[in-house]
C-alpha atoms as a PDB file:
ATOM      1  CA  MET A   1      17.267   0.600   7.204  1.00  0.00           C
ATOM      2  CA  GLU A   2      17.040  -2.494   9.398  1.00  0.00           C
ATOM      3  CA  ILE A   3      14.920  -5.427   8.248  1.00  0.00           C
ATOM      4  CA  ILE A   4      12.132  -6.336  10.688  1.00  0.00           C
ATOM      5  CA  PRO A   5      12.423  -9.817  12.274  1.00  0.00           C
ATOM      6  CA  PRO A   6       9.487 -12.116  11.420  1.00  0.00           C
ATOM      7  CA  THR A   7       8.010 -11.861  14.905  1.00  0.00           C
ATOM      8  CA  GLN A   8       7.635  -8.116  14.386  1.00  0.00           C
ATOM      9  CA  ILE A   9       5.105  -7.989  11.562  1.00  0.00           C
ATOM     10  CA  GLN A  10       3.006  -5.090  12.739  1.00  0.00           C
ATOM     11  CA  LYS A  11       1.010  -2.092  11.656  1.00  0.00           C
ATOM     12  CA  GLY A  12       3.322  -0.019   9.463  1.00  0.00           C
ATOM     13  CA  THR A  13       5.194  -2.977   7.957  1.00  0.00           C
ATOM     14  CA  LEU A  14       5.514  -3.336   4.188  1.00  0.00           C
ATOM     15  CA  LEU A  15       5.015  -6.805   2.743  1.00  0.00           C
ATOM     16  CA  ILE A  16       7.036  -7.198  -0.435  1.00  0.00           C
ATOM     17  CA  ALA A  17       5.993 -10.085  -2.693  1.00  0.00           C
ATOM     18  CA  SER A  18       8.795 -12.574  -3.222  1.00  0.00           C
ATOM     19  CA  PRO A  19       9.464 -13.894  -6.736  1.00  0.00           C
ATOM     20  CA  GLU A  20       7.642 -17.051  -5.544  1.00  0.00           C
ATOM     21  CA  ILE A  21       4.393 -15.173  -6.275  1.00  0.00           C
ATOM     22  CA  GLU A  22       4.439 -15.489 -10.046  1.00  0.00           C
ATOM     23  CA  SER A  23       1.013 -14.182 -11.036  1.00  0.00           C
ATOM     24  CA  GLY A  24      -2.195 -12.567  -9.862  1.00  0.00           C
ATOM     25  CA  ILE A  25      -2.839  -9.303  -8.070  1.00  0.00           C
ATOM     26  CA  PHE A  26       0.052  -9.856  -5.637  1.00  0.00           C
ATOM     27  CA  PHE A  27       2.678 -10.370  -8.393  1.00  0.00           C
ATOM     28  CA  ARG A  28       5.415  -7.845  -7.566  1.00  0.00           C
ATOM     29  CA  GLY A  29       3.012  -6.387  -5.004  1.00  0.00           C
ATOM     30  CA  VAL A  30       3.773  -4.208  -1.987  1.00  0.00           C
ATOM     31  CA  ILE A  31       1.232  -4.233   0.829  1.00  0.00           C
ATOM     32  CA  LEU A  32       1.064  -1.822   3.750  1.00  0.00           C
ATOM     33  CA  VAL A  33       0.007  -3.707   6.895  1.00  0.00           C
ATOM     34  CA  CYS A  34      -2.699  -1.577   8.540  1.00  0.00           C
ATOM     35  CA  GLU A  35      -3.623  -3.994  11.339  1.00  0.00           C
ATOM     36  CA  HIS A  36      -2.011  -7.168  12.654  1.00  0.00           C
ATOM     37  CA  ASN A  37      -3.073  -9.065  15.755  1.00  0.00           C
ATOM     38  CA  ALA A  38      -3.932 -12.558  16.991  1.00  0.00           C
ATOM     39  CA  ALA A  39      -7.276 -12.493  15.146  1.00  0.00           C
ATOM     40  CA  GLY A  40      -5.708 -11.748  11.752  1.00  0.00           C
ATOM     41  CA  SER A  41      -4.339  -8.996   9.559  1.00  0.00           C
ATOM     42  CA  PHE A  42      -5.393  -6.528   6.912  1.00  0.00           C
ATOM     43  CA  GLY A  43      -3.447  -4.312   4.576  1.00  0.00           C
ATOM     44  CA  LEU A  44      -3.594  -2.245   1.423  1.00  0.00           C
ATOM     45  CA  LEU A  45      -1.867  -3.100  -1.829  1.00  0.00           C
ATOM     46  CA  ILE A  46      -0.253   0.229  -2.595  1.00  0.00           C
ATOM     47  CA  ASN A  47       1.710  -0.222  -5.796  1.00  0.00           C
ATOM     48  CA  LYS A  48      -1.026  -1.224  -8.238  1.00  0.00           C
ATOM     49  CA  SER A  49      -2.496   1.879  -9.856  1.00  0.00           C
ATOM     50  CA  ILE A  50      -5.889   1.485 -11.495  1.00  0.00           C
ATOM     51  CA  ASP A  51      -8.071   3.585 -13.772  1.00  0.00           C
ATOM     52  CA  LEU A  52     -11.639   3.853 -12.547  1.00  0.00           C
ATOM     53  CA  GLU A  53     -14.513   6.017 -13.605  1.00  0.00           C
ATOM     54  CA  LEU A  54     -15.941   7.334 -10.371  1.00  0.00           C
ATOM     55  CA  PRO A  55     -19.273   9.149 -10.068  1.00  0.00           C
ATOM     56  CA  GLU A  56     -18.684  12.906 -10.402  1.00  0.00           C
ATOM     57  CA  GLU A  57     -20.902  13.640  -7.422  1.00  0.00           C
ATOM     58  CA  LEU A  58     -18.531  11.503  -5.353  1.00  0.00           C
ATOM     59  CA  ILE A  59     -15.178  12.535  -6.812  1.00  0.00           C
ATOM     60  CA  ASN A  60     -14.614  14.950  -9.659  1.00  0.00           C
ATOM     61  CA  PHE A  61     -10.969  14.683 -10.663  1.00  0.00           C
ATOM     62  CA  ASN A  62     -11.472  17.324 -13.367  1.00  0.00           C
ATOM     63  CA  ASN A  63     -12.095  19.945 -10.668  1.00  0.00           C
ATOM     64  CA  ALA A  64      -9.538  18.589  -8.189  1.00  0.00           C
ATOM     65  CA  ALA A  65      -6.855  21.116  -7.285  1.00  0.00           C
ATOM     66  CA  ASN A  66      -4.762  18.649  -5.266  1.00  0.00           C
ATOM     67  CA  PRO A  67      -2.069  17.161  -7.541  1.00  0.00           C
ATOM     68  CA  HIS A  68      -1.203  14.429  -5.000  1.00  0.00           C
ATOM     69  CA  VAL A  69      -4.152  12.058  -5.500  1.00  0.00           C
ATOM     70  CA  SER A  70      -3.929   8.560  -6.963  1.00  0.00           C
ATOM     71  CA  VAL A  71      -6.221   5.546  -7.256  1.00  0.00           C
ATOM     72  CA  ARG A  72      -4.955   2.108  -6.207  1.00  0.00           C
ATOM     73  CA  ALA A  73      -6.213  -1.451  -6.214  1.00  0.00           C
ATOM     74  CA  GLY A  74      -6.100  -1.957  -2.450  1.00  0.00           C
ATOM     75  CA  GLY A  75      -6.574  -5.708  -2.696  1.00  0.00           C
ATOM     76  CA  PRO A  76      -8.898  -8.497  -3.787  1.00  0.00           C
ATOM     77  CA  VAL A  77     -11.386  -8.257  -0.882  1.00  0.00           C
ATOM     78  CA  GLN A  78     -14.416  -5.914  -1.119  1.00  0.00           C
ATOM     79  CA  THR A  79     -13.146  -4.108  -4.214  1.00  0.00           C
ATOM     80  CA  ASN A  80     -16.184  -1.813  -4.170  1.00  0.00           C
ATOM     81  CA  GLN A  81     -15.080  -0.340  -0.813  1.00  0.00           C
ATOM     82  CA  MET A  82     -12.842   2.753  -0.879  1.00  0.00           C
ATOM     83  CA  MET A  83     -10.334   3.539   1.856  1.00  0.00           C
ATOM     84  CA  LEU A  84      -8.268   6.701   2.148  1.00  0.00           C
ATOM     85  CA  LEU A  85      -4.553   6.427   2.850  1.00  0.00           C
ATOM     86  CA  HIS A  86      -3.100   9.909   3.319  1.00  0.00           C
ATOM     87  CA  THR A  87      -0.538  12.194   4.926  1.00  0.00           C
ATOM     88  CA  ARG A  88      -2.880  14.554   6.772  1.00  0.00           C
ATOM     89  CA  ASN A  89      -2.993  14.230  10.535  1.00  0.00           C
ATOM     90  CA  ASP A  90      -6.409  15.607  11.350  1.00  0.00           C
ATOM     91  CA  PRO A  91      -7.589  14.635  14.829  1.00  0.00           C
ATOM     92  CA  THR A  92     -11.134  15.798  14.017  1.00  0.00           C
ATOM     93  CA  GLN A  93     -11.430  12.972  11.491  1.00  0.00           C
ATOM     94  CA  GLN A  94     -11.598   9.334  12.441  1.00  0.00           C
ATOM     95  CA  THR A  95      -8.150   8.351  11.262  1.00  0.00           C
ATOM     96  CA  LEU A  96      -5.738   5.637  12.290  1.00  0.00           C
ATOM     97  CA  LYS A  97      -2.013   6.361  12.373  1.00  0.00           C
ATOM     98  CA  ILE A  98      -0.230   3.624  10.412  1.00  0.00           C
ATOM     99  CA  CYS A  99       3.334   4.956  10.660  1.00  0.00           C
ATOM    100  CA  ASP A 100       5.003   8.372  10.904  1.00  0.00           C
ATOM    101  CA  ASP A 101       3.048  10.869   8.752  1.00  0.00           C
ATOM    102  CA  VAL A 102       0.776   8.191   7.238  1.00  0.00           C
ATOM    103  CA  PHE A 103      -2.890   7.808   8.186  1.00  0.00           C
ATOM    104  CA  LEU A 104      -5.872   5.680   7.183  1.00  0.00           C
ATOM    105  CA  GLY A 105      -9.422   6.993   7.210  1.00  0.00           C
ATOM    106  CA  GLY A 106     -11.572  10.029   6.698  1.00  0.00           C
ATOM    107  CA  ASP A 107     -15.075  10.595   5.390  1.00  0.00           C
ATOM    108  CA  LEU A 108     -16.397  11.890   2.071  1.00  0.00           C
ATOM    109  CA  GLN A 109     -16.371  15.517   3.245  1.00  0.00           C
ATOM    110  CA  PHE A 110     -12.720  15.158   4.286  1.00  0.00           C
ATOM    111  CA  LEU A 111     -11.877  13.701   0.867  1.00  0.00           C
ATOM    112  CA  GLN A 112     -13.671  16.469  -1.015  1.00  0.00           C
ATOM    113  CA  GLU A 113     -11.940  19.163   1.053  1.00  0.00           C
ATOM    114  CA  MET A 114      -8.550  17.558   0.414  1.00  0.00           C
ATOM    115  CA  LEU A 115      -9.245  17.275  -3.322  1.00  0.00           C
ATOM    116  CA  ALA A 116     -10.072  20.998  -3.456  1.00  0.00           C
ATOM    117  CA  ASP A 117      -6.861  22.022  -1.640  1.00  0.00           C
ATOM    118  CA  GLU A 118      -4.008  22.687  -4.080  1.00  0.00           C
ATOM    119  CA  ASN A 119      -1.583  22.232  -1.174  1.00  0.00           C
ATOM    120  CA  GLY A 120      -3.463  19.193   0.102  1.00  0.00           C
ATOM    121  CA  PRO A 121      -1.955  16.005   1.441  1.00  0.00           C
ATOM    122  CA  HIS A 122      -0.901  12.988  -0.568  1.00  0.00           C
ATOM    123  CA  ILE A 123      -3.876  10.641  -0.907  1.00  0.00           C
ATOM    124  CA  HIS A 124      -4.220   7.105  -2.237  1.00  0.00           C
ATOM    125  CA  LEU A 125      -7.828   6.105  -2.867  1.00  0.00           C
ATOM    126  CA  CYS A 126      -7.601   2.349  -2.284  1.00  0.00           C
ATOM    127  CA  PHE A 127     -10.357   0.089  -3.598  1.00  0.00           C
ATOM    128  CA  GLY A 128     -10.447  -3.207  -1.734  1.00  0.00           C
ATOM    129  CA  TYR A 129      -7.988  -4.626   0.745  1.00  0.00           C
ATOM    130  CA  ALA A 130      -5.944  -7.729   1.514  1.00  0.00           C
ATOM    131  CA  GLY A 131      -6.905  -9.822   4.515  1.00  0.00           C
ATOM    132  CA  TRP A 132      -5.556 -12.814   6.417  1.00  0.00           C
ATOM    133  CA  GLY A 133      -7.066 -15.000   9.124  1.00  0.00           C
ATOM    134  CA  ALA A 134      -5.340 -15.786  12.421  1.00  0.00           C
ATOM    135  CA  GLY A 135      -1.772 -16.988  11.760  1.00  0.00           C
ATOM    136  CA  GLN A 136      -2.189 -16.990   7.973  1.00  0.00           C
ATOM    137  CA  LEU A 137       0.155 -14.071   7.265  1.00  0.00           C
ATOM    138  CA  GLU A 138       2.873 -15.541   9.495  1.00  0.00           C
ATOM    139  CA  ARG A 139       2.602 -18.867   7.613  1.00  0.00           C
ATOM    140  CA  GLU A 140       2.863 -17.096   4.251  1.00  0.00           C
ATOM    141  CA  PHE A 141       5.915 -15.185   5.506  1.00  0.00           C
ATOM    142  CA  LEU A 142       7.606 -18.339   6.829  1.00  0.00           C
ATOM    143  CA  ASP A 143       6.820 -20.110   3.533  1.00  0.00           C
ATOM    144  CA  GLY A 144       8.776 -17.391   1.705  1.00  0.00           C
ATOM    145  CA  SER A 145       5.915 -15.535   0.011  1.00  0.00           C
ATOM    146  CA  TRP A 146       6.743 -12.166   1.578  1.00  0.00           C
ATOM    147  CA  PHE A 147       9.735 -10.089   2.588  1.00  0.00           C
ATOM    148  CA  ILE A 148       9.166  -7.366   5.162  1.00  0.00           C
ATOM    149  CA  HIS A 149      10.462  -3.829   5.529  1.00  0.00           C
ATOM    150  CA  PRO A 150       9.404  -0.802   7.619  1.00  0.00           C
ATOM    151  CA  ALA A 151       7.012   1.551   5.834  1.00  0.00           C
ATOM    152  CA  THR A 152       7.788   5.234   5.387  1.00  0.00           C
ATOM    153  CA  LYS A 153       5.897   8.150   3.911  1.00  0.00           C
ATOM    154  CA  ASN A 154       8.562   8.325   1.192  1.00  0.00           C
ATOM    155  CA  TYR A 155       8.021   4.740   0.049  1.00  0.00           C
ATOM    156  CA  LEU A 156       4.250   5.085   0.151  1.00  0.00           C
ATOM    157  CA  PHE A 157       3.867   8.433  -1.600  1.00  0.00           C
ATOM    158  CA  ASP A 158       7.108   9.557  -3.253  1.00  0.00           C
ATOM    159  CA  VAL A 159       8.347   6.450  -5.086  1.00  0.00           C
ATOM    160  CA  ALA A 160       6.440   5.754  -8.323  1.00  0.00           C
ATOM    161  CA  SER A 161       4.109   2.773  -7.874  1.00  0.00           C
ATOM    162  CA  GLU A 162       5.599   0.851 -10.803  1.00  0.00           C
ATOM    163  CA  LYS A 163       9.110   1.218  -9.307  1.00  0.00           C
ATOM    164  CA  LEU A 164       8.319   0.545  -5.636  1.00  0.00           C
ATOM    165  CA  TRP A 165       8.822  -3.244  -5.594  1.00  0.00           C
ATOM    166  CA  ARG A 166      12.281  -2.993  -7.162  1.00  0.00           C
ATOM    167  CA  GLN A 167      13.257   0.071  -5.092  1.00  0.00           C
ATOM    168  CA  LEU A 168      12.476  -1.655  -1.798  1.00  0.00           C
ATOM    169  CA  LEU A 169      14.469  -4.750  -2.743  1.00  0.00           C
ATOM    170  CA  ARG A 170      17.435  -2.626  -3.861  1.00  0.00           C
ATOM    171  CA  ASP A 171      17.307  -0.662  -0.612  1.00  0.00           C
ATOM    172  CA  MET A 172      17.282  -3.900   1.386  1.00  0.00           C
ATOM    173  CA  GLY A 173      20.584  -4.820  -0.302  1.00  0.00           C
ATOM    174  CA  GLY A 174      22.356  -8.165  -0.585  1.00  0.00           C
ATOM    175  CA  LYS A 175      20.339 -11.038  -2.036  1.00  0.00           C
ATOM    176  CA  TYR A 176      17.248  -8.798  -2.144  1.00  0.00           C
ATOM    177  CA  ALA A 177      18.986  -6.329  -4.469  1.00  0.00           C
ATOM    178  CA  THR A 178      19.823  -9.231  -6.771  1.00  0.00           C
ATOM    179  CA  LEU A 179      16.158 -10.313  -6.815  1.00  0.00           C
ATOM    180  CA  SER A 180      15.152  -6.790  -7.880  1.00  0.00           C
ATOM    181  CA  MET A 181      16.823  -7.411 -11.247  1.00  0.00           C
ATOM    182  CA  ILE A 182      14.672 -10.418 -12.194  1.00  0.00           C
ATOM    183  CA  PRO A 183      12.677  -9.493 -15.317  1.00  0.00           C
ATOM    184  CA  ASP A 184       8.876  -9.458 -15.063  1.00  0.00           C
ATOM    185  CA  ASP A 185       8.659 -12.001 -17.885  1.00  0.00           C
ATOM    186  CA  LEU A 186      11.271 -14.731 -17.471  1.00  0.00           C
ATOM    187  CA  SER A 187      10.845 -15.791 -21.117  1.00  0.00           C
ATOM    188  CA  LEU A 188      12.613 -12.534 -22.054  1.00  0.00           C
ATOM    189  CA  ASN A 189      15.722 -13.640 -20.153  1.00  0.00           C
END
């Protein structure tokens, strides 16, 4: 797959944390860009699974029939806000197409219906988001903090979250594949 030139950061781009980011929530992070324009950008960190106890009246995982639901730390901003990233194109819901077969949005009723459907779509419940002011993301990219790659449904929902960072770098090949082999803890090297 072709790497996106820096001037083409756009909705549907994956930001892959470079090894320059050595700690914090973005360490080995992969972010799906959901909006990018002159005013700024926002995205969802999609490869950091979290365990949360959610109110049963909101979401009851014990009664959920859909096996394709996961909970993610969407980013450090407004961590009490939940966003739905999913594979169901439902024009009756207020959803935003991010890339082919991947959508953002939906209300509580939509979520509960999808949880009850044993053949339901893949869903990431993302708590929080990542945000950048005007020009900030471009500066971070040019400073070497992020690599970019086109998003696909497969990367977002089929690759295990703990393997996604390495998988993307391997798929990018060359020097990126070499970077994928760096151990998480350099003291073990």
